[in-house]
């Protein structure tokens, strides 16, 4: 990732942490245009949309993030949580299972 894109991601994280979700999303979209499979950006966009109760969009970004990095348990966990919000309860089960496989010591995965 170029230094310019890294700077945009850092700015987006700062805006996100400050509660400026729209500003963070705008910067992340710019990064995504240059790197459509950027795992961190996809994951953060999913979180942003989830916080805004835009569940279909969150699910879409988390699905893309899982494809970009299928061995990340937290992405599977986030997707598993987003799917029921989109009315897809049964579809979340494999992602809960995958989370417990990848992170067996992650208590939240087992509780969900």
PDB file of N, CA and C in Angstrom:
ATOM      1  N   UNK A   1       0.855  -1.173   0.000  1.00  0.00           N
ATOM      2  CA  UNK A   1       0.000   0.000   0.000  1.00  0.00           C
ATOM      3  C   UNK A   1       0.897   1.231   0.000  1.00  0.00           C
ATOM      4  N   UNK A   2       0.540   2.187  -0.825  1.00  0.00           N
ATOM      5  CA  UNK A   2       1.331   3.409  -0.919  1.00  0.00           C
ATOM      6  C   UNK A   2       1.207   4.222   0.369  1.00  0.00           C
ATOM      7  N   UNK A   3       2.154   5.105   0.559  1.00  0.00           N
ATOM      8  CA  UNK A   3       2.125   5.966   1.741  1.00  0.00           C
ATOM      9  C   UNK A   3       0.883   6.850   1.756  1.00  0.00           C
ATOM     10  N   UNK A   4       0.467   7.283   0.577  1.00  0.00           N
ATOM     11  CA  UNK A   4      -0.726   8.130   0.492  1.00  0.00           C
ATOM     12  C   UNK A   4      -1.969   7.358   0.952  1.00  0.00           C
ATOM     13  N   UNK A   5      -2.101   6.113   0.494  1.00  0.00           N
ATOM     14  CA  UNK A   5      -3.251   5.306   0.913  1.00  0.00           C
ATOM     15  C   UNK A   5      -3.184   4.971   2.394  1.00  0.00           C
ATOM     16  N   UNK A   6      -1.992   4.690   2.888  1.00  0.00           N
ATOM     17  CA  UNK A   6      -1.829   4.440   4.324  1.00  0.00           C
ATOM     18  C   UNK A   6      -2.250   5.646   5.139  1.00  0.00           C
ATOM     19  N   UNK A   7      -1.896   6.829   4.665  1.00  0.00           N
ATOM     20  CA  UNK A   7      -2.280   8.060   5.364  1.00  0.00           C
ATOM     21  C   UNK A   7      -3.797   8.229   5.369  1.00  0.00           C
ATOM     22  N   UNK A   8      -4.447   7.892   4.243  1.00  0.00           N
ATOM     23  CA  UNK A   8      -5.910   7.984   4.191  1.00  0.00           C
ATOM     24  C   UNK A   8      -6.557   7.020   5.176  1.00  0.00           C
ATOM     25  N   UNK A   9      -6.031   5.810   5.266  1.00  0.00           N
ATOM     26  CA  UNK A   9      -6.578   4.837   6.208  1.00  0.00           C
ATOM     27  C   UNK A   9      -6.399   5.332   7.641  1.00  0.00           C
ATOM     28  N   UNK A  10      -5.240   5.870   7.946  1.00  0.00           N
ATOM     29  CA  UNK A  10      -4.999   6.391   9.292  1.00  0.00           C
ATOM     30  C   UNK A  10      -5.936   7.556   9.614  1.00  0.00           C
ATOM     31  N   UNK A  11      -6.145   8.428   8.654  1.00  0.00           N
ATOM     32  CA  UNK A  11      -7.086   9.537   8.848  1.00  0.00           C
ATOM     33  C   UNK A  11      -8.495   8.990   9.070  1.00  0.00           C
ATOM     34  N   UNK A  12      -8.868   7.983   8.300  1.00  0.00           N
ATOM     35  CA  UNK A  12     -10.199   7.381   8.439  1.00  0.00           C
ATOM     36  C   UNK A  12     -10.367   6.761   9.822  1.00  0.00           C
ATOM     37  N   UNK A  13      -9.348   6.080  10.297  1.00  0.00           N
ATOM     38  CA  UNK A  13      -9.418   5.479  11.637  1.00  0.00           C
ATOM     39  C   UNK A  13      -9.586   6.564  12.689  1.00  0.00           C
ATOM     40  N   UNK A  14      -8.849   7.640  12.529  1.00  0.00           N
ATOM     41  CA  UNK A  14      -8.960   8.757  13.480  1.00  0.00           C
ATOM     42  C   UNK A  14     -10.382   9.335  13.466  1.00  0.00           C
ATOM     43  N   UNK A  15     -10.944   9.525  12.277  1.00  0.00           N
ATOM     44  CA  UNK A  15     -12.318  10.036  12.180  1.00  0.00           C
ATOM     45  C   UNK A  15     -13.313   9.041  12.775  1.00  0.00           C
ATOM     46  N   UNK A  16     -13.112   7.764  12.487  1.00  0.00           N
ATOM     47  CA  UNK A  16     -13.977   6.710  13.024  1.00  0.00           C
ATOM     48  C   UNK A  16     -13.963   6.726  14.554  1.00  0.00           C
ATOM     49  N   UNK A  17     -12.771   6.772  15.117  1.00  0.00           N
ATOM     50  CA  UNK A  17     -12.642   6.793  16.583  1.00  0.00           C
ATOM     51  C   UNK A  17     -13.273   8.037  17.187  1.00  0.00           C
ATOM     52  N   UNK A  18     -13.299   9.113  16.425  1.00  0.00           N
ATOM     53  CA  UNK A  18     -13.918  10.357  16.883  1.00  0.00           C
ATOM     54  C   UNK A  18     -15.417  10.414  16.621  1.00  0.00           C
ATOM     55  N   UNK A  19     -15.957   9.365  16.018  1.00  0.00           N
ATOM     56  CA  UNK A  19     -17.394   9.314  15.783  1.00  0.00           C
ATOM     57  C   UNK A  19     -17.851   9.883  14.454  1.00  0.00           C
ATOM     58  N   UNK A  20     -16.923  10.308  13.630  1.00  0.00           N
ATOM     59  CA  UNK A  20     -17.272  10.855  12.316  1.00  0.00           C
ATOM     60  C   UNK A  20     -17.300   9.709  11.307  1.00  0.00           C
ATOM     61  N   UNK A  21     -18.390   8.957  11.321  1.00  0.00           N
ATOM     62  CA  UNK A  21     -18.493   7.783  10.465  1.00  0.00           C
ATOM     63  C   UNK A  21     -18.568   8.147   8.987  1.00  0.00           C
ATOM     64  N   UNK A  22     -19.279   9.216   8.667  1.00  0.00           N
ATOM     65  CA  UNK A  22     -19.405   9.627   7.267  1.00  0.00           C
ATOM     66  C   UNK A  22     -18.049  10.055   6.706  1.00  0.00           C
ATOM     67  N   UNK A  23     -17.290  10.800   7.485  1.00  0.00           N
ATOM     68  CA  UNK A  23     -15.957  11.220   7.039  1.00  0.00           C
ATOM     69  C   UNK A  23     -15.025  10.042   6.871  1.00  0.00           C
ATOM     70  N   UNK A  24     -15.078   9.110   7.808  1.00  0.00           N
ATOM     71  CA  UNK A  24     -14.248   7.908   7.715  1.00  0.00           C
ATOM     72  C   UNK A  24     -14.620   7.100   6.487  1.00  0.00           C
ATOM     73  N   UNK A  25     -15.903   6.943   6.252  1.00  0.00           N
ATOM     74  CA  UNK A  25     -16.347   6.172   5.090  1.00  0.00           C
ATOM     75  C   UNK A  25     -15.875   6.814   3.788  1.00  0.00           C
ATOM     76  N   UNK A  26     -15.969   8.113   3.697  1.00  0.00           N
ATOM     77  CA  UNK A  26     -15.552   8.802   2.468  1.00  0.00           C
ATOM     78  C   UNK A  26     -14.075   8.525   2.163  1.00  0.00           C
ATOM     79  N   UNK A  27     -13.231   8.577   3.184  1.00  0.00           N
ATOM     80  CA  UNK A  27     -11.808   8.310   2.968  1.00  0.00           C
ATOM     81  C   UNK A  27     -11.573   6.848   2.615  1.00  0.00           C
ATOM     82  N   UNK A  28     -12.270   5.958   3.291  1.00  0.00           N
ATOM     83  CA  UNK A  28     -12.102   4.530   3.023  1.00  0.00           C
ATOM     84  C   UNK A  28     -12.568   4.158   1.614  1.00  0.00           C
ATOM     85  N   UNK A  29     -13.593   4.828   1.140  1.00  0.00           N
ATOM     86  CA  UNK A  29     -14.056   4.575  -0.228  1.00  0.00           C
ATOM     87  C   UNK A  29     -12.985   4.954  -1.240  1.00  0.00           C
ATOM     88  N   UNK A  30     -12.243   6.003  -0.950  1.00  0.00           N
ATOM     89  CA  UNK A  30     -11.149   6.407  -1.844  1.00  0.00           C
ATOM     90  C   UNK A  30     -10.071   5.325  -1.893  1.00  0.00           C
ATOM     91  N   UNK A  31      -9.758   4.766  -0.727  1.00  0.00           N
ATOM     92  CA  UNK A  31      -8.767   3.693  -0.680  1.00  0.00           C
ATOM     93  C   UNK A  31      -9.294   2.470  -1.417  1.00  0.00           C
ATOM     94  N   UNK A  32     -10.570   2.176  -1.219  1.00  0.00           N
ATOM     95  CA  UNK A  32     -11.176   1.001  -1.838  1.00  0.00           C
ATOM     96  C   UNK A  32     -11.175   1.100  -3.363  1.00  0.00           C
ATOM     97  N   UNK A  33     -11.278   2.306  -3.890  1.00  0.00           N
ATOM     98  CA  UNK A  33     -11.207   2.483  -5.346  1.00  0.00           C
ATOM     99  C   UNK A  33      -9.851   2.038  -5.881  1.00  0.00           C
ATOM    100  N   UNK A  34      -8.799   2.315  -5.118  1.00  0.00           N
ATOM    101  CA  UNK A  34      -7.449   1.937  -5.541  1.00  0.00           C
ATOM    102  C   UNK A  34      -7.136   0.479  -5.213  1.00  0.00           C
ATOM    103  N   UNK A  35      -7.735  -0.019  -4.123  1.00  0.00           N
ATOM    104  CA  UNK A  35      -7.463  -1.387  -3.666  1.00  0.00           C
ATOM    105  C   UNK A  35      -8.769  -2.056  -3.253  1.00  0.00           C
ATOM    106  N   UNK A  36      -9.518  -2.581  -4.219  1.00  0.00           N
ATOM    107  CA  UNK A  36     -10.848  -3.115  -3.928  1.00  0.00           C
ATOM    108  C   UNK A  36     -10.873  -4.337  -3.011  1.00  0.00           C
ATOM    109  N   UNK A  37      -9.739  -4.979  -2.794  1.00  0.00           N
ATOM    110  CA  UNK A  37      -9.695  -6.160  -1.922  1.00  0.00           C
ATOM    111  C   UNK A  37      -8.920  -5.900  -0.637  1.00  0.00           C
ATOM    112  N   UNK A  38      -8.830  -4.633  -0.248  1.00  0.00           N
ATOM    113  CA  UNK A  38      -8.101  -4.283   0.969  1.00  0.00           C
ATOM    114  C   UNK A  38      -8.904  -4.763   2.181  1.00  0.00           C
ATOM    115  N   UNK A  39      -8.406  -5.786   2.847  1.00  0.00           N
ATOM    116  CA  UNK A  39      -9.120  -6.419   3.943  1.00  0.00           C
ATOM    117  C   UNK A  39      -9.477  -5.428   5.050  1.00  0.00           C
ATOM    118  N   UNK A  40      -8.512  -4.662   5.504  1.00  0.00           N
ATOM    119  CA  UNK A  40      -8.756  -3.745   6.617  1.00  0.00           C
ATOM    120  C   UNK A  40      -9.839  -2.714   6.276  1.00  0.00           C
ATOM    121  N   UNK A  41      -9.794  -2.212   5.063  1.00  0.00           N
ATOM    122  CA  UNK A  41     -10.779  -1.220   4.631  1.00  0.00           C
ATOM    123  C   UNK A  41     -12.169  -1.851   4.538  1.00  0.00           C
ATOM    124  N   UNK A  42     -12.249  -3.042   3.963  1.00  0.00           N
ATOM    125  CA  UNK A  42     -13.540  -3.731   3.866  1.00  0.00           C
ATOM    126  C   UNK A  42     -14.116  -4.001   5.254  1.00  0.00           C
ATOM    127  N   UNK A  43     -13.269  -4.452   6.155  1.00  0.00           N
ATOM    128  CA  UNK A  43     -13.709  -4.752   7.516  1.00  0.00           C
ATOM    129  C   UNK A  43     -14.224  -3.481   8.211  1.00  0.00           C
ATOM    130  N   UNK A  44     -13.482  -2.405   8.103  1.00  0.00           N
ATOM    131  CA  UNK A  44     -13.893  -1.162   8.762  1.00  0.00           C
ATOM    132  C   UNK A  44     -15.161  -0.593   8.138  1.00  0.00           C
ATOM    133  N   UNK A  45     -15.313  -0.703   6.829  1.00  0.00           N
ATOM    134  CA  UNK A  45     -16.551  -0.247   6.195  1.00  0.00           C
ATOM    135  C   UNK A  45     -17.736  -1.086   6.677  1.00  0.00           C
ATOM    136  N   UNK A  46     -17.532  -2.368   6.872  1.00  0.00           N
ATOM    137  CA  UNK A  46     -18.594  -3.204   7.430  1.00  0.00           C
ATOM    138  C   UNK A  46     -18.988  -2.760   8.822  1.00  0.00           C
ATOM    139  N   UNK A  47     -18.008  -2.445   9.630  1.00  0.00           N
ATOM    140  CA  UNK A  47     -18.280  -1.976  10.996  1.00  0.00           C
ATOM    141  C   UNK A  47     -19.039  -0.648  10.959  1.00  0.00           C
ATOM    142  N   UNK A  48     -18.603   0.251  10.098  1.00  0.00           N
ATOM    143  CA  UNK A  48     -19.265   1.557   9.979  1.00  0.00           C
ATOM    144  C   UNK A  48     -20.733   1.379   9.600  1.00  0.00           C
ATOM    145  N   UNK A  49     -20.985   0.556   8.591  1.00  0.00           N
ATOM    146  CA  UNK A  49     -22.372   0.357   8.161  1.00  0.00           C
ATOM    147  C   UNK A  49     -23.190  -0.370   9.220  1.00  0.00           C
ATOM    148  N   UNK A  50     -22.568  -1.281   9.941  1.00  0.00           N
ATOM    149  CA  UNK A  50     -23.268  -1.946  11.033  1.00  0.00           C
ATOM    150  C   UNK A  50     -23.686  -0.962  12.116  1.00  0.00           C
ATOM    151  N   UNK A  51     -22.806  -0.044  12.443  1.00  0.00           N
ATOM    152  CA  UNK A  51     -23.135   0.964  13.461  1.00  0.00           C
ATOM    153  C   UNK A  51     -24.248   1.905  13.002  1.00  0.00           C
ATOM    154  N   UNK A  52     -24.389   2.026  11.699  1.00  0.00           N
ATOM    155  CA  UNK A  52     -25.431   2.894  11.151  1.00  0.00           C
ATOM    156  C   UNK A  52     -26.709   2.109  10.844  1.00  0.00           C
ATOM    157  N   UNK A  53     -26.754   0.875  11.319  1.00  0.00           N
ATOM    158  CA  UNK A  53     -27.904  -0.011  11.086  1.00  0.00           C
ATOM    159  C   UNK A  53     -28.187  -0.224   9.607  1.00  0.00           C
ATOM    160  N   UNK A  54     -27.163  -0.170   8.805  1.00  0.00           N
ATOM    161  CA  UNK A  54     -27.262  -0.468   7.371  1.00  0.00           C
ATOM    162  C   UNK A  54     -26.749  -1.900   7.189  1.00  0.00           C
ATOM    163  N   UNK A  55     -27.592  -2.845   7.575  1.00  0.00           N
ATOM    164  CA  UNK A  55     -27.161  -4.227   7.723  1.00  0.00           C
ATOM    165  C   UNK A  55     -26.819  -4.902   6.399  1.00  0.00           C
ATOM    166  N   UNK A  56     -27.538  -4.617   5.351  1.00  0.00           N
ATOM    167  CA  UNK A  56     -27.229  -5.225   4.058  1.00  0.00           C
ATOM    168  C   UNK A  56     -25.850  -4.778   3.569  1.00  0.00           C
ATOM    169  N   UNK A  57     -25.544  -3.500   3.753  1.00  0.00           N
ATOM    170  CA  UNK A  57     -24.238  -2.990   3.352  1.00  0.00           C
ATOM    171  C   UNK A  57     -23.137  -3.582   4.224  1.00  0.00           C
ATOM    172  N   UNK A  58     -23.388  -3.669   5.528  1.00  0.00           N
ATOM    173  CA  UNK A  58     -22.408  -4.267   6.438  1.00  0.00           C
ATOM    174  C   UNK A  58     -22.125  -5.702   6.021  1.00  0.00           C
ATOM    175  N   UNK A  59     -23.190  -6.453   5.758  1.00  0.00           N
ATOM    176  CA  UNK A  59     -23.041  -7.848   5.333  1.00  0.00           C
ATOM    177  C   UNK A  59     -22.211  -7.928   4.062  1.00  0.00           C
ATOM    178  N   UNK A  60     -22.459  -7.043   3.118  1.00  0.00           N
ATOM    179  CA  UNK A  60     -21.730  -7.051   1.853  1.00  0.00           C
ATOM    180  C   UNK A  60     -20.233  -6.818   2.075  1.00  0.00           C
ATOM    181  N   UNK A  61     -19.890  -5.830   2.892  1.00  0.00           N
ATOM    182  CA  UNK A  61     -18.474  -5.546   3.145  1.00  0.00           C
ATOM    183  C   UNK A  61     -17.812  -6.679   3.922  1.00  0.00           C
ATOM    184  N   UNK A  62     -18.498  -7.227   4.918  1.00  0.00           N
ATOM    185  CA  UNK A  62     -17.917  -8.337   5.675  1.00  0.00           C
ATOM    186  C   UNK A  62     -17.739  -9.569   4.783  1.00  0.00           C
ATOM    187  N   UNK A  63     -18.674  -9.815   3.874  1.00  0.00           N
ATOM    188  CA  UNK A  63     -18.543 -10.939   2.939  1.00  0.00           C
ATOM    189  C   UNK A  63     -17.314 -10.768   2.058  1.00  0.00           C
ATOM    190  N   UNK A  64     -17.096  -9.561   1.579  1.00  0.00           N
ATOM    191  CA  UNK A  64     -15.916  -9.294   0.752  1.00  0.00           C
ATOM    192  C   UNK A  64     -14.636  -9.430   1.577  1.00  0.00           C
ATOM    193  N   UNK A  65     -14.689  -9.006   2.825  1.00  0.00           N
ATOM    194  CA  UNK A  65     -13.512  -9.122   3.693  1.00  0.00           C
ATOM    195  C   UNK A  65     -13.182 -10.588   3.961  1.00  0.00           C
ATOM    196  N   UNK A  66     -14.203 -11.421   4.173  1.00  0.00           N
ATOM    197  CA  UNK A  66     -13.974 -12.850   4.391  1.00  0.00           C
ATOM    198  C   UNK A  66     -13.315 -13.469   3.160  1.00  0.00           C
ATOM    199  N   UNK A  67     -13.744 -13.049   1.980  1.00  0.00           N
ATOM    200  CA  UNK A  67     -13.116 -13.558   0.752  1.00  0.00           C
ATOM    201  C   UNK A  67     -11.668 -13.097   0.647  1.00  0.00           C
ATOM    202  N   UNK A  68     -11.394 -11.868   1.092  1.00  0.00           N
ATOM    203  CA  UNK A  68     -10.033 -11.330   1.023  1.00  0.00           C
ATOM    204  C   UNK A  68      -9.107 -11.986   2.039  1.00  0.00           C
ATOM    205  N   UNK A  69      -9.654 -12.388   3.194  1.00  0.00           N
ATOM    206  CA  UNK A  69      -8.841 -13.001   4.245  1.00  0.00           C
ATOM    207  C   UNK A  69      -9.675 -14.037   4.998  1.00  0.00           C
ATOM    208  N   UNK A  70      -9.841 -15.222   4.416  1.00  0.00           N
ATOM    209  CA  UNK A  70     -10.715 -16.230   5.019  1.00  0.00           C
ATOM    210  C   UNK A  70     -10.210 -16.819   6.326  1.00  0.00           C
ATOM    211  N   UNK A  71      -8.986 -16.537   6.704  1.00  0.00           N
ATOM    212  CA  UNK A  71      -8.451 -17.094   7.949  1.00  0.00           C
ATOM    213  C   UNK A  71      -8.559 -16.127   9.124  1.00  0.00           C
ATOM    214  N   UNK A  72      -9.239 -14.999   8.941  1.00  0.00           N
ATOM    215  CA  UNK A  72      -9.385 -14.032  10.027  1.00  0.00           C
ATOM    216  C   UNK A  72     -10.662 -14.330  10.810  1.00  0.00           C
ATOM    217  N   UNK A  73     -10.537 -14.761  12.063  1.00  0.00           N
ATOM    218  CA  UNK A  73     -11.728 -15.137  12.823  1.00  0.00           C
ATOM    219  C   UNK A  73     -12.660 -13.971  13.120  1.00  0.00           C
ATOM    220  N   UNK A  74     -12.116 -12.798  13.302  1.00  0.00           N
ATOM    221  CA  UNK A  74     -12.949 -11.658  13.681  1.00  0.00           C
ATOM    222  C   UNK A  74     -13.832 -11.199  12.525  1.00  0.00           C
ATOM    223  N   UNK A  75     -13.350 -11.385  11.316  1.00  0.00           N
ATOM    224  CA  UNK A  75     -14.164 -11.047  10.159  1.00  0.00           C
ATOM    225  C   UNK A  75     -15.331 -12.032  10.033  1.00  0.00           C
ATOM    226  N   UNK A  76     -15.055 -13.317  10.247  1.00  0.00           N
ATOM    227  CA  UNK A  76     -16.142 -14.307  10.240  1.00  0.00           C
ATOM    228  C   UNK A  76     -17.154 -13.976  11.341  1.00  0.00           C
ATOM    229  N   UNK A  77     -16.641 -13.571  12.486  1.00  0.00           N
ATOM    230  CA  UNK A  77     -17.509 -13.220  13.608  1.00  0.00           C
ATOM    231  C   UNK A  77     -18.399 -12.033  13.257  1.00  0.00           C
ATOM    232  N   UNK A  78     -17.806 -11.012  12.665  1.00  0.00           N
ATOM    233  CA  UNK A  78     -18.596  -9.830  12.280  1.00  0.00           C
ATOM    234  C   UNK A  78     -19.640 -10.177  11.227  1.00  0.00           C
ATOM    235  N   UNK A  79     -19.265 -11.022  10.269  1.00  0.00           N
ATOM    236  CA  UNK A  79     -20.231 -11.439   9.259  1.00  0.00           C
ATOM    237  C   UNK A  79     -21.340 -12.264   9.909  1.00  0.00           C
ATOM    238  N   UNK A  80     -20.979 -13.139  10.820  1.00  0.00           N
ATOM    239  CA  UNK A  80     -21.982 -13.961  11.511  1.00  0.00           C
ATOM    240  C   UNK A  80     -22.964 -13.100  12.290  1.00  0.00           C
ATOM    241  N   UNK A  81     -22.500 -11.986  12.824  1.00  0.00           N
ATOM    242  CA  UNK A  81     -23.394 -11.081  13.547  1.00  0.00           C
ATOM    243  C   UNK A  81     -24.242 -10.241  12.590  1.00  0.00           C
ATOM    244  N   UNK A  82     -23.709  -9.920  11.411  1.00  0.00           N
ATOM    245  CA  UNK A  82     -24.438  -9.074  10.457  1.00  0.00           C
ATOM    246  C   UNK A  82     -25.522  -9.843   9.708  1.00  0.00           C
ATOM    247  N   UNK A  83     -25.301 -11.101   9.444  1.00  0.00           N
ATOM    248  CA  UNK A  83     -26.265 -11.873   8.656  1.00  0.00           C
ATOM    249  C   UNK A  83     -27.660 -11.923   9.281  1.00  0.00           C
ATOM    250  N   UNK A  84     -27.803 -12.208  10.571  1.00  0.00           N
ATOM    251  CA  UNK A  84     -29.153 -12.219  11.146  1.00  0.00           C
ATOM    252  C   UNK A  84     -29.841 -10.856  11.067  1.00  0.00           C
ATOM    253  N   UNK A  85     -29.073  -9.792  11.118  1.00  0.00           N
ATOM    254  CA  UNK A  85     -29.641  -8.453  11.006  1.00  0.00           C
ATOM    255  C   UNK A  85     -30.230  -8.223   9.614  1.00  0.00           C
ATOM    256  N   UNK A  86     -29.776  -9.023   8.661  1.00  0.00           N
ATOM    257  CA  UNK A  86     -30.307  -8.958   7.291  1.00  0.00           C
ATOM    258  C   UNK A  86     -31.321 -10.060   7.039  1.00  0.00           C
ATOM    259  N   UNK A  87     -31.754 -10.730   8.107  1.00  0.00           N
ATOM    260  CA  UNK A  87     -32.753 -11.789   7.975  1.00  0.00           C
ATOM    261  C   UNK A  87     -32.195 -13.115   7.518  1.00  0.00           C
ATOM    262  N   UNK A  88     -30.898 -13.310   7.675  1.00  0.00           N
ATOM    263  CA  UNK A  88     -30.252 -14.532   7.208  1.00  0.00           C
ATOM    264  C   UNK A  88     -29.649 -15.299   8.382  1.00  0.00           C
ATOM    265  N   UNK A  89     -30.500 -15.718   9.300  1.00  0.00           N
ATOM    266  CA  UNK A  89     -30.030 -16.400  10.504  1.00  0.00           C
ATOM    267  C   UNK A  89     -29.247 -17.669  10.195  1.00  0.00           C
ATOM    268  N   UNK A  90     -29.810 -18.541   9.368  1.00  0.00           N
ATOM    269  CA  UNK A  90     -29.175 -19.827   9.086  1.00  0.00           C
ATOM    270  C   UNK A  90     -27.816 -19.652   8.409  1.00  0.00           C
ATOM    271  N   UNK A  91     -27.685 -18.624   7.593  1.00  0.00           N
ATOM    272  CA  UNK A  91     -26.435 -18.385   6.888  1.00  0.00           C
ATOM    273  C   UNK A  91     -25.313 -17.968   7.835  1.00  0.00           C
ATOM    274  N   UNK A  92     -25.669 -17.496   9.029  1.00  0.00           N
ATOM    275  CA  UNK A  92     -24.645 -17.059   9.974  1.00  0.00           C
ATOM    276  C   UNK A  92     -23.958 -18.228  10.682  1.00  0.00           C
ATOM    277  N   UNK A  93     -24.628 -19.362  10.760  1.00  0.00           N
ATOM    278  CA  UNK A  93     -24.083 -20.491  11.518  1.00  0.00           C
ATOM    279  C   UNK A  93     -22.708 -20.963  11.038  1.00  0.00           C
ATOM    280  N   UNK A  94     -22.483 -21.125   9.740  1.00  0.00           N
ATOM    281  CA  UNK A  94     -21.137 -21.551   9.326  1.00  0.00           C
ATOM    282  C   UNK A  94     -20.044 -20.557   9.728  1.00  0.00           C
ATOM    283  N   UNK A  95     -20.384 -19.282   9.768  1.00  0.00           N
ATOM    284  CA  UNK A  95     -19.381 -18.279  10.137  1.00  0.00           C
ATOM    285  C   UNK A  95     -19.126 -18.288  11.643  1.00  0.00           C
ATOM    286  N   UNK A  96     -20.160 -18.556  12.432  1.00  0.00           N
ATOM    287  CA  UNK A  96     -19.931 -18.743  13.870  1.00  0.00           C
ATOM    288  C   UNK A  96     -19.038 -19.958  14.090  1.00  0.00           C
ATOM    289  N   UNK A  97     -19.331 -21.032  13.386  1.00  0.00           N
ATOM    290  CA  UNK A  97     -18.530 -22.245  13.515  1.00  0.00           C
ATOM    291  C   UNK A  97     -17.079 -21.982  13.108  1.00  0.00           C
ATOM    292  N   UNK A  98     -16.889 -21.284  11.996  1.00  0.00           N
ATOM    293  CA  UNK A  98     -15.532 -20.979  11.523  1.00  0.00           C
ATOM    294  C   UNK A  98     -14.790 -20.119  12.541  1.00  0.00           C
ATOM    295  N   UNK A  99     -15.495 -19.180  13.158  1.00  0.00           N
ATOM    296  CA  UNK A  99     -14.864 -18.336  14.173  1.00  0.00           C
ATOM    297  C   UNK A  99     -14.352 -19.177  15.329  1.00  0.00           C
ATOM    298  N   UNK A 100     -15.166 -20.119  15.795  1.00  0.00           N
ATOM    299  CA  UNK A 100     -14.728 -20.955  16.923  1.00  0.00           C
ATOM    300  C   UNK A 100     -13.581 -21.872  16.519  1.00  0.00           C
ATOM    301  N   UNK A 101     -13.527 -22.272  15.261  1.00  0.00           N
ATOM    302  CA  UNK A 101     -12.399 -23.080  14.783  1.00  0.00           C
ATOM    303  C   UNK A 101     -11.113 -22.260  14.744  1.00  0.00           C
ATOM    304  N   UNK A 102     -11.218 -21.040  14.226  1.00  0.00           N
ATOM    305  CA  UNK A 102     -10.038 -20.195  14.060  1.00  0.00           C
ATOM    306  C   UNK A 102      -9.573 -19.548  15.366  1.00  0.00           C
ATOM    307  N   UNK A 103     -10.510 -19.304  16.269  1.00  0.00           N
ATOM    308  CA  UNK A 103     -10.175 -18.641  17.545  1.00  0.00           C
ATOM    309  C   UNK A 103     -10.899 -19.351  18.681  1.00  0.00           C
ATOM    310  N   UNK A 104     -10.469 -20.562  19.028  1.00  0.00           N
ATOM    311  CA  UNK A 104     -11.185 -21.336  20.047  1.00  0.00           C
ATOM    312  C   UNK A 104     -11.178 -20.695  21.437  1.00  0.00           C
ATOM    313  N   UNK A 105     -10.286 -19.752  21.668  1.00  0.00           N
ATOM    314  CA  UNK A 105     -10.229 -19.082  22.975  1.00  0.00           C
ATOM    315  C   UNK A 105     -10.938 -17.729  22.979  1.00  0.00           C
ATOM    316  N   UNK A 106     -11.750 -17.484  21.957  1.00  0.00           N
ATOM    317  CA  UNK A 106     -12.489 -16.218  21.843  1.00  0.00           C
ATOM    318  C   UNK A 106     -13.883 -16.444  22.408  1.00  0.00           C
ATOM    319  N   UNK A 107     -14.134 -16.028  23.656  1.00  0.00           N
ATOM    320  CA  UNK A 107     -15.386 -16.373  24.322  1.00  0.00           C
ATOM    321  C   UNK A 107     -16.658 -15.867  23.613  1.00  0.00           C
ATOM    322  N   UNK A 108     -16.593 -14.686  23.020  1.00  0.00           N
ATOM    323  CA  UNK A 108     -17.774 -14.144  22.351  1.00  0.00           C
ATOM    324  C   UNK A 108     -18.235 -15.036  21.204  1.00  0.00           C
ATOM    325  N   UNK A 109     -17.287 -15.689  20.542  1.00  0.00           N
ATOM    326  CA  UNK A 109     -17.656 -16.585  19.440  1.00  0.00           C
ATOM    327  C   UNK A 109     -18.495 -17.740  19.959  1.00  0.00           C
ATOM    328  N   UNK A 110     -18.134 -18.255  21.096  1.00  0.00           N
ATOM    329  CA  UNK A 110     -18.867 -19.381  21.674  1.00  0.00           C
ATOM    330  C   UNK A 110     -20.229 -18.930  22.206  1.00  0.00           C
ATOM    331  N   UNK A 111     -20.292 -17.725  22.736  1.00  0.00           N
ATOM    332  CA  UNK A 111     -21.562 -17.232  23.290  1.00  0.00           C
ATOM    333  C   UNK A 111     -22.588 -16.970  22.202  1.00  0.00           C
ATOM    334  N   UNK A 112     -22.141 -16.569  21.041  1.00  0.00           N
ATOM    335  CA  UNK A 112     -23.072 -16.292  19.955  1.00  0.00           C
ATOM    336  C   UNK A 112     -23.482 -17.564  19.264  1.00  0.00           C
TER     337      UNK A 112
END
